[in-house]
Amino acid sequence: MKPPLRVHISAVGFDIDRIVEPLLRMKADKVYLITKVGEDLGKPFLEKVTGILKNHKIEYEITPCDILNLIECIRKISEIIFEEKGNMVYVNLSTGTNITSIAGMLASMTWGARPYYVKPEKYVAPEQPLSVGVKEIVDVPAIFPVMRPKEEWLHILKFLSKQGPIKKKSLIKYLQEVGLIKRPEKSEGEEIQSAYRQLDNMLVDIRDRWRLVAEEGEARAKRIKITENGEIILRMFEFLIADKKIS
């Protein structure tokens, strides 16, 4: 298959048609099937879905995930979208849990994937597939961009998460070691001032706008720490720097 490929992401719950029909109608090349980690009551539906995909020679990859954990779902779907960069990525919002639907929308808004919702012909009894047939596939425009963290932010957040509240001096030393703060060829005093200016420029957005880090204490006792929001963003986007050394 030659890029750009038509790649879909679909959580598997108790639906069959709402997963499979969009893949056939939209001529999907590949689909990532998000499934529940551990015991999964949707396993019989997964088996039927994969059987149909095999018959139609559509490549698929089963991706286990904690489908009731919003942060985990956003991270997993974001990873897939990022991995398939250069291809056309579609996200099915109509299957799986409400959590996977919300996560799919947020991940699509962040990374520019195309979300869609599948309206069924009708709903049926709970012991059977939740719906039968497909009436319509509706585009869900992702027009509001979500904050996408810069790599330098993630380095700062991960270091703070590991080290706890630290002085700016310690953070500067780390950022110099990983090459995110440059060492200018100046006198020692000018170099220190330059390093603090560079750090302050990095902190403007994540401290003052997004509240991912905070400062505590006064004057020389002041420390920088990661906030609860910072920990959430780190968990969602840490995969972006996973192959880079963080001490």
C-alpha atoms as a PDB file:
ATOM      1  CA  MET A   1       0.000   0.000   0.000  1.00  0.00           C
ATOM      2  CA  LYS A   2       1.228   3.457  -0.899  1.00  0.00           C
ATOM      3  CA  PRO A   3       0.656   6.510   1.299  1.00  0.00           C
ATOM      4  CA  PRO A   4      -1.407   8.407   2.005  1.00  0.00           C
ATOM      5  CA  LEU A   5      -3.345   5.500   3.438  1.00  0.00           C
ATOM      6  CA  ARG A   6      -6.898   5.678   4.789  1.00  0.00           C
ATOM      7  CA  VAL A   7      -6.433   4.751   8.447  1.00  0.00           C
ATOM      8  CA  HIS A   8      -9.329   4.449  10.902  1.00  0.00           C
ATOM      9  CA  ILE A   9      -9.434   4.251  14.689  1.00  0.00           C
ATOM     10  CA  SER A  10     -12.479   2.606  16.233  1.00  0.00           C
ATOM     11  CA  ALA A  11     -13.213   1.468  19.774  1.00  0.00           C
ATOM     12  CA  VAL A  12     -14.914  -1.933  19.962  1.00  0.00           C
ATOM     13  CA  GLY A  13     -17.907  -2.275  22.256  1.00  0.00           C
ATOM     14  CA  PHE A  14     -21.109  -4.091  21.333  1.00  0.00           C
ATOM     15  CA  ASP A  15     -21.424  -2.882  17.728  1.00  0.00           C
ATOM     16  CA  ILE A  16     -20.513  -4.526  14.453  1.00  0.00           C
ATOM     17  CA  ASP A  17     -22.060  -2.569  11.572  1.00  0.00           C
ATOM     18  CA  ARG A  18     -21.133   0.831  12.975  1.00  0.00           C
ATOM     19  CA  ILE A  19     -17.495  -0.275  12.983  1.00  0.00           C
ATOM     20  CA  VAL A  20     -17.322  -2.251   9.766  1.00  0.00           C
ATOM     21  CA  GLU A  21     -19.601  -0.362   7.372  1.00  0.00           C
ATOM     22  CA  PRO A  22     -17.636   2.947   7.479  1.00  0.00           C
ATOM     23  CA  LEU A  23     -14.463   0.971   6.747  1.00  0.00           C
ATOM     24  CA  LEU A  24     -16.042  -0.592   3.670  1.00  0.00           C
ATOM     25  CA  ARG A  25     -17.787   2.546   2.396  1.00  0.00           C
ATOM     26  CA  MET A  26     -14.753   4.762   2.968  1.00  0.00           C
ATOM     27  CA  LYS A  27     -12.351   2.152   1.522  1.00  0.00           C
ATOM     28  CA  ALA A  28     -10.159   1.894   4.609  1.00  0.00           C
ATOM     29  CA  ASP A  29      -6.669   0.490   4.218  1.00  0.00           C
ATOM     30  CA  LYS A  30      -6.124  -0.138   7.913  1.00  0.00           C
ATOM     31  CA  VAL A  31      -8.002   0.111  11.217  1.00  0.00           C
ATOM     32  CA  TYR A  32      -6.865   0.262  14.819  1.00  0.00           C
ATOM     33  CA  LEU A  33      -9.404  -1.514  17.034  1.00  0.00           C
ATOM     34  CA  ILE A  34      -9.354  -0.108  20.578  1.00  0.00           C
ATOM     35  CA  THR A  35     -10.368  -2.844  23.032  1.00  0.00           C
ATOM     36  CA  LYS A  36     -10.789  -3.118  26.791  1.00  0.00           C
ATOM     37  CA  VAL A  37      -7.804  -4.245  28.849  1.00  0.00           C
ATOM     38  CA  GLY A  38      -8.516  -7.438  30.802  1.00  0.00           C
ATOM     39  CA  GLU A  39     -11.900  -9.155  30.771  1.00  0.00           C
ATOM     40  CA  ASP A  40     -13.863  -7.775  27.833  1.00  0.00           C
ATOM     41  CA  LEU A  41     -17.572  -8.475  27.353  1.00  0.00           C
ATOM     42  CA  GLY A  42     -17.201  -7.120  23.841  1.00  0.00           C
ATOM     43  CA  LYS A  43     -14.844  -9.930  22.789  1.00  0.00           C
ATOM     44  CA  PRO A  44     -17.515 -11.826  20.760  1.00  0.00           C
ATOM     45  CA  PHE A  45     -18.179  -8.616  18.785  1.00  0.00           C
ATOM     46  CA  LEU A  46     -14.442  -8.095  18.267  1.00  0.00           C
ATOM     47  CA  GLU A  47     -14.168 -11.606  16.826  1.00  0.00           C
ATOM     48  CA  LYS A  48     -17.030 -10.936  14.402  1.00  0.00           C
ATOM     49  CA  VAL A  49     -15.524  -7.610  13.361  1.00  0.00           C
ATOM     50  CA  THR A  50     -12.072  -9.067  12.725  1.00  0.00           C
ATOM     51  CA  GLY A  51     -13.624 -11.949  10.778  1.00  0.00           C
ATOM     52  CA  ILE A  52     -15.320  -9.491   8.424  1.00  0.00           C
ATOM     53  CA  LEU A  53     -12.132  -7.457   8.074  1.00  0.00           C
ATOM     54  CA  LYS A  54     -10.184 -10.590   7.134  1.00  0.00           C
ATOM     55  CA  ASN A  55     -12.752 -11.448   4.468  1.00  0.00           C
ATOM     56  CA  HIS A  56     -12.403  -7.964   2.981  1.00  0.00           C
ATOM     57  CA  LYS A  57      -8.602  -7.996   3.359  1.00  0.00           C
ATOM     58  CA  ILE A  58      -8.566  -4.865   5.524  1.00  0.00           C
ATOM     59  CA  GLU A  59      -5.484  -4.697   7.720  1.00  0.00           C
ATOM     60  CA  TYR A  60      -6.234  -4.281  11.410  1.00  0.00           C
ATOM     61  CA  GLU A  61      -4.358  -3.907  14.681  1.00  0.00           C
ATOM     62  CA  ILE A  62      -5.899  -4.664  18.076  1.00  0.00           C
ATOM     63  CA  THR A  63      -4.927  -2.019  20.637  1.00  0.00           C
ATOM     64  CA  PRO A  64      -5.822  -2.746  24.280  1.00  0.00           C
ATOM     65  CA  CYS A  65      -6.579   0.322  26.412  1.00  0.00           C
ATOM     66  CA  ASP A  66      -8.221   1.286  29.698  1.00  0.00           C
ATOM     67  CA  ILE A  67     -11.409   2.462  27.988  1.00  0.00           C
ATOM     68  CA  LEU A  68     -12.782   4.034  31.175  1.00  0.00           C
ATOM     69  CA  ASN A  69      -9.724   6.244  31.716  1.00  0.00           C
ATOM     70  CA  LEU A  70      -9.995   9.472  29.724  1.00  0.00           C
ATOM     71  CA  ILE A  71      -6.304  10.387  29.928  1.00  0.00           C
ATOM     72  CA  GLU A  72      -5.208   6.891  28.887  1.00  0.00           C
ATOM     73  CA  CYS A  73      -7.642   6.930  25.939  1.00  0.00           C
ATOM     74  CA  ILE A  74      -6.476  10.356  24.745  1.00  0.00           C
ATOM     75  CA  ARG A  75      -2.854   9.242  24.998  1.00  0.00           C
ATOM     76  CA  LYS A  76      -3.445   5.988  23.117  1.00  0.00           C
ATOM     77  CA  ILE A  77      -5.438   7.593  20.296  1.00  0.00           C
ATOM     78  CA  SER A  78      -2.924  10.458  20.075  1.00  0.00           C
ATOM     79  CA  GLU A  79      -0.075   7.948  19.765  1.00  0.00           C
ATOM     80  CA  ILE A  80      -1.825   6.231  16.853  1.00  0.00           C
ATOM     81  CA  ILE A  81      -2.565   9.504  15.049  1.00  0.00           C
ATOM     82  CA  PHE A  82       1.026  10.654  15.552  1.00  0.00           C
ATOM     83  CA  GLU A  83       2.399   7.307  14.340  1.00  0.00           C
ATOM     84  CA  GLU A  84       0.254   7.513  11.194  1.00  0.00           C
ATOM     85  CA  LYS A  85       1.414  11.031  10.347  1.00  0.00           C
ATOM     86  CA  GLY A  86       1.291  11.508   6.572  1.00  0.00           C
ATOM     87  CA  ASN A  87      -1.762   9.277   6.191  1.00  0.00           C
ATOM     88  CA  MET A  88      -5.448  10.255   6.324  1.00  0.00           C
ATOM     89  CA  VAL A  89      -6.606   9.340   9.821  1.00  0.00           C
ATOM     90  CA  TYR A  90     -10.304   8.988  10.698  1.00  0.00           C
ATOM     91  CA  VAL A  91     -11.701   8.463  14.205  1.00  0.00           C
ATOM     92  CA  ASN A  92     -15.036   6.709  14.764  1.00  0.00           C
ATOM     93  CA  LEU A  93     -16.767   8.455  17.696  1.00  0.00           C
ATOM     94  CA  SER A  94     -19.893   6.291  17.710  1.00  0.00           C
ATOM     95  CA  THR A  95     -18.576   3.003  19.139  1.00  0.00           C
ATOM     96  CA  GLY A  96     -17.006   1.968  22.434  1.00  0.00           C
ATOM     97  CA  THR A  97     -17.644   3.972  25.609  1.00  0.00           C
ATOM     98  CA  ASN A  98     -18.543   7.628  26.112  1.00  0.00           C
ATOM     99  CA  ILE A  99     -14.983   8.035  27.366  1.00  0.00           C
ATOM    100  CA  THR A 100     -13.449   6.728  24.131  1.00  0.00           C
ATOM    101  CA  SER A 101     -15.747   9.037  22.151  1.00  0.00           C
ATOM    102  CA  ILE A 102     -14.678  12.101  24.138  1.00  0.00           C
ATOM    103  CA  ALA A 103     -11.033  11.046  23.898  1.00  0.00           C
ATOM    104  CA  GLY A 104     -11.347  10.500  20.143  1.00  0.00           C
ATOM    105  CA  MET A 105     -12.756  13.984  19.645  1.00  0.00           C
ATOM    106  CA  LEU A 106     -10.106  15.670  21.795  1.00  0.00           C
ATOM    107  CA  ALA A 107      -7.277  13.743  20.135  1.00  0.00           C
ATOM    108  CA  SER A 108      -8.675  14.621  16.688  1.00  0.00           C
ATOM    109  CA  MET A 109      -8.832  18.298  17.618  1.00  0.00           C
ATOM    110  CA  THR A 110      -5.262  18.184  18.892  1.00  0.00           C
ATOM    111  CA  TRP A 111      -3.644  16.354  15.987  1.00  0.00           C
ATOM    112  CA  GLY A 112      -5.886  17.167  13.027  1.00  0.00           C
ATOM    113  CA  ALA A 113      -7.534  13.782  12.451  1.00  0.00           C
ATOM    114  CA  ARG A 114     -11.036  13.530  10.970  1.00  0.00           C
ATOM    115  CA  PRO A 115     -13.694  12.389  13.472  1.00  0.00           C
ATOM    116  CA  TYR A 116     -17.021  10.963  12.350  1.00  0.00           C
ATOM    117  CA  TYR A 117     -20.199   9.622  13.912  1.00  0.00           C
ATOM    118  CA  VAL A 118     -22.252   6.707  12.551  1.00  0.00           C
ATOM    119  CA  LYS A 119     -26.041   6.845  12.865  1.00  0.00           C
ATOM    120  CA  PRO A 120     -27.542   3.331  13.036  1.00  0.00           C
ATOM    121  CA  GLU A 121     -30.671   2.251  11.211  1.00  0.00           C
ATOM    122  CA  LYS A 122     -32.149   1.074  14.517  1.00  0.00           C
ATOM    123  CA  TYR A 123     -31.243  -0.079  18.006  1.00  0.00           C
ATOM    124  CA  VAL A 124     -31.943  -3.642  19.105  1.00  0.00           C
ATOM    125  CA  ALA A 125     -32.081  -5.687  22.333  1.00  0.00           C
ATOM    126  CA  PRO A 126     -29.076  -5.503  24.694  1.00  0.00           C
ATOM    127  CA  GLU A 127     -28.186  -9.189  24.340  1.00  0.00           C
ATOM    128  CA  GLN A 128     -27.672  -8.618  20.604  1.00  0.00           C
ATOM    129  CA  PRO A 129     -25.522  -6.004  18.849  1.00  0.00           C
ATOM    130  CA  LEU A 130     -26.641  -2.575  20.077  1.00  0.00           C
ATOM    131  CA  SER A 131     -27.577  -1.530  16.568  1.00  0.00           C
ATOM    132  CA  VAL A 132     -28.142  -2.912  13.097  1.00  0.00           C
ATOM    133  CA  GLY A 133     -27.218  -1.369   9.760  1.00  0.00           C
ATOM    134  CA  VAL A 134     -25.929   2.123   9.052  1.00  0.00           C
ATOM    135  CA  LYS A 135     -28.232   4.992   8.132  1.00  0.00           C
ATOM    136  CA  GLU A 136     -25.623   7.708   7.706  1.00  0.00           C
ATOM    137  CA  ILE A 137     -21.993   8.616   8.476  1.00  0.00           C
ATOM    138  CA  VAL A 138     -21.821  12.169   9.791  1.00  0.00           C
ATOM    139  CA  ASP A 139     -18.661  14.267   9.816  1.00  0.00           C
ATOM    140  CA  VAL A 140     -17.952  15.906  13.167  1.00  0.00           C
ATOM    141  CA  PRO A 141     -15.814  18.966  12.370  1.00  0.00           C
ATOM    142  CA  ALA A 142     -12.850  19.384  14.729  1.00  0.00           C
ATOM    143  CA  ILE A 143     -12.407  23.122  14.274  1.00  0.00           C
ATOM    144  CA  PHE A 144     -11.268  24.184  17.724  1.00  0.00           C
ATOM    145  CA  PRO A 145      -7.548  23.537  18.259  1.00  0.00           C
ATOM    146  CA  VAL A 146      -6.463  22.023  21.565  1.00  0.00           C
ATOM    147  CA  MET A 147      -3.195  22.973  23.213  1.00  0.00           C
ATOM    148  CA  ARG A 148      -0.360  20.891  21.793  1.00  0.00           C
ATOM    149  CA  PRO A 149       2.639  21.008  24.137  1.00  0.00           C
ATOM    150  CA  LYS A 150       6.082  21.972  22.899  1.00  0.00           C
ATOM    151  CA  GLU A 151       8.882  19.452  23.335  1.00  0.00           C
ATOM    152  CA  GLU A 152      10.704  21.761  25.759  1.00  0.00           C
ATOM    153  CA  TRP A 153       7.590  21.868  27.960  1.00  0.00           C
ATOM    154  CA  LEU A 154       7.505  18.091  28.192  1.00  0.00           C
ATOM    155  CA  HIS A 155      11.188  17.961  29.140  1.00  0.00           C
ATOM    156  CA  ILE A 156      10.547  20.467  31.919  1.00  0.00           C
ATOM    157  CA  LEU A 157       7.428  18.658  33.139  1.00  0.00           C
ATOM    158  CA  LYS A 158       9.102  15.257  33.197  1.00  0.00           C
ATOM    159  CA  PHE A 159      12.142  16.577  35.051  1.00  0.00           C
ATOM    160  CA  LEU A 160       9.957  18.325  37.629  1.00  0.00           C
ATOM    161  CA  SER A 161       7.767  15.235  37.981  1.00  0.00           C
ATOM    162  CA  LYS A 162      10.852  13.148  38.818  1.00  0.00           C
ATOM    163  CA  GLN A 163      12.734  15.681  40.937  1.00  0.00           C
ATOM    164  CA  GLY A 164       9.942  17.474  42.792  1.00  0.00           C
ATOM    165  CA  PRO A 165      10.066  21.211  43.613  1.00  0.00           C
ATOM    166  CA  ILE A 166      13.490  22.550  42.636  1.00  0.00           C
ATOM    167  CA  LYS A 167      15.312  25.855  42.284  1.00  0.00           C
ATOM    168  CA  LYS A 168      15.526  27.540  38.888  1.00  0.00           C
ATOM    169  CA  LYS A 169      19.287  27.009  38.998  1.00  0.00           C
ATOM    170  CA  SER A 170      18.857  23.220  39.027  1.00  0.00           C
ATOM    171  CA  LEU A 171      16.319  23.327  36.203  1.00  0.00           C
ATOM    172  CA  ILE A 172      18.639  25.544  34.131  1.00  0.00           C
ATOM    173  CA  LYS A 173      21.514  23.099  34.638  1.00  0.00           C
ATOM    174  CA  TYR A 174      19.359  20.221  33.374  1.00  0.00           C
ATOM    175  CA  LEU A 175      18.067  22.177  30.371  1.00  0.00           C
ATOM    176  CA  GLN A 176      21.637  23.104  29.453  1.00  0.00           C
ATOM    177  CA  GLU A 177      22.633  19.427  29.633  1.00  0.00           C
ATOM    178  CA  VAL A 178      19.911  18.439  27.160  1.00  0.00           C
ATOM    179  CA  GLY A 179      20.632  21.419  24.910  1.00  0.00           C
ATOM    180  CA  LEU A 180      17.413  23.369  25.465  1.00  0.00           C
ATOM    181  CA  ILE A 181      19.190  26.345  27.041  1.00  0.00           C
ATOM    182  CA  LYS A 182      22.178  27.603  25.096  1.00  0.00           C
ATOM    183  CA  ARG A 183      25.465  28.567  26.700  1.00  0.00           C
ATOM    184  CA  PRO A 184      26.465  31.890  25.096  1.00  0.00           C
ATOM    185  CA  GLU A 185      30.123  32.827  24.756  1.00  0.00           C
ATOM    186  CA  LYS A 186      29.978  35.622  27.302  1.00  0.00           C
ATOM    187  CA  SER A 187      31.303  36.389  30.728  1.00  0.00           C
ATOM    188  CA  GLU A 188      30.043  34.212  33.570  1.00  0.00           C
ATOM    189  CA  GLY A 189      27.668  36.922  34.811  1.00  0.00           C
ATOM    190  CA  GLU A 190      26.213  37.510  31.334  1.00  0.00           C
ATOM    191  CA  GLU A 191      25.866  33.760  30.792  1.00  0.00           C
ATOM    192  CA  ILE A 192      23.877  33.346  34.010  1.00  0.00           C
ATOM    193  CA  GLN A 193      21.573  36.246  33.117  1.00  0.00           C
ATOM    194  CA  SER A 194      21.060  34.828  29.623  1.00  0.00           C
ATOM    195  CA  ALA A 195      20.193  31.387  31.027  1.00  0.00           C
ATOM    196  CA  TYR A 196      17.605  32.840  33.403  1.00  0.00           C
ATOM    197  CA  ARG A 197      16.055  34.882  30.588  1.00  0.00           C
ATOM    198  CA  GLN A 198      15.781  31.787  28.401  1.00  0.00           C
ATOM    199  CA  LEU A 199      14.152  29.828  31.234  1.00  0.00           C
ATOM    200  CA  ASP A 200      11.706  32.623  32.003  1.00  0.00           C
ATOM    201  CA  ASN A 201      10.697  32.715  28.306  1.00  0.00           C
ATOM    202  CA  MET A 202      10.013  28.960  28.441  1.00  0.00           C
ATOM    203  CA  LEU A 203       7.949  29.283  31.607  1.00  0.00           C
ATOM    204  CA  VAL A 204       5.665  32.092  30.426  1.00  0.00           C
ATOM    205  CA  ASP A 205       3.105  29.848  28.741  1.00  0.00           C
ATOM    206  CA  ILE A 206       3.244  26.774  30.969  1.00  0.00           C
ATOM    207  CA  ARG A 207       3.247  28.784  34.203  1.00  0.00           C
ATOM    208  CA  ASP A 208       1.120  31.838  33.489  1.00  0.00           C
ATOM    209  CA  ARG A 209      -1.219  30.645  30.726  1.00  0.00           C
ATOM    210  CA  TRP A 210      -1.664  26.898  31.080  1.00  0.00           C
ATOM    211  CA  ARG A 211      -0.785  26.524  34.809  1.00  0.00           C
ATOM    212  CA  LEU A 212       1.267  23.391  34.198  1.00  0.00           C
ATOM    213  CA  VAL A 213       3.957  24.519  36.640  1.00  0.00           C
ATOM    214  CA  ALA A 214       3.884  26.822  39.650  1.00  0.00           C
ATOM    215  CA  GLU A 215       6.373  28.602  41.878  1.00  0.00           C
ATOM    216  CA  GLU A 216       6.295  28.354  45.644  1.00  0.00           C
ATOM    217  CA  GLY A 217       8.262  30.107  48.363  1.00  0.00           C
ATOM    218  CA  GLU A 218       9.843  33.535  48.436  1.00  0.00           C
ATOM    219  CA  ALA A 219      13.064  35.068  47.058  1.00  0.00           C
ATOM    220  CA  ARG A 220      16.018  32.635  47.279  1.00  0.00           C
ATOM    221  CA  ALA A 221      13.832  29.910  48.747  1.00  0.00           C
ATOM    222  CA  LYS A 222      11.546  29.921  45.681  1.00  0.00           C
ATOM    223  CA  ARG A 223      11.022  26.547  43.996  1.00  0.00           C
ATOM    224  CA  ILE A 224       9.354  25.432  40.746  1.00  0.00           C
ATOM    225  CA  LYS A 225       6.996  22.441  40.851  1.00  0.00           C
ATOM    226  CA  ILE A 226       4.730  20.606  38.460  1.00  0.00           C
ATOM    227  CA  THR A 227       0.974  21.082  39.017  1.00  0.00           C
ATOM    228  CA  GLU A 228      -1.811  18.526  38.764  1.00  0.00           C
ATOM    229  CA  ASN A 229      -2.616  19.877  35.292  1.00  0.00           C
ATOM    230  CA  GLY A 230       1.040  19.463  34.375  1.00  0.00           C
ATOM    231  CA  GLU A 231       0.997  15.818  35.459  1.00  0.00           C
ATOM    232  CA  ILE A 232      -2.088  15.210  33.288  1.00  0.00           C
ATOM    233  CA  ILE A 233      -0.501  16.817  30.221  1.00  0.00           C
ATOM    234  CA  LEU A 234       2.700  14.831  30.825  1.00  0.00           C
ATOM    235  CA  ARG A 235       0.751  11.562  30.958  1.00  0.00           C
ATOM    236  CA  MET A 236      -1.103  12.447  27.761  1.00  0.00           C
ATOM    237  CA  PHE A 237       1.888  13.540  25.679  1.00  0.00           C
ATOM    238  CA  GLU A 238       4.982  11.935  27.196  1.00  0.00           C
ATOM    239  CA  PHE A 239       5.163   9.559  24.225  1.00  0.00           C
ATOM    240  CA  LEU A 240       6.427  12.481  22.128  1.00  0.00           C
ATOM    241  CA  ILE A 241       9.746  12.443  23.993  1.00  0.00           C
ATOM    242  CA  ALA A 242       9.799   8.754  24.902  1.00  0.00           C
ATOM    243  CA  ASP A 243      12.890   8.069  22.788  1.00  0.00           C
ATOM    244  CA  LYS A 244      14.841  10.961  24.284  1.00  0.00           C
ATOM    245  CA  LYS A 245      16.922  10.622  27.432  1.00  0.00           C
ATOM    246  CA  ILE A 246      15.437  12.283  30.496  1.00  0.00           C
ATOM    247  CA  SER A 247      17.469  12.004  33.684  1.00  0.00           C
END
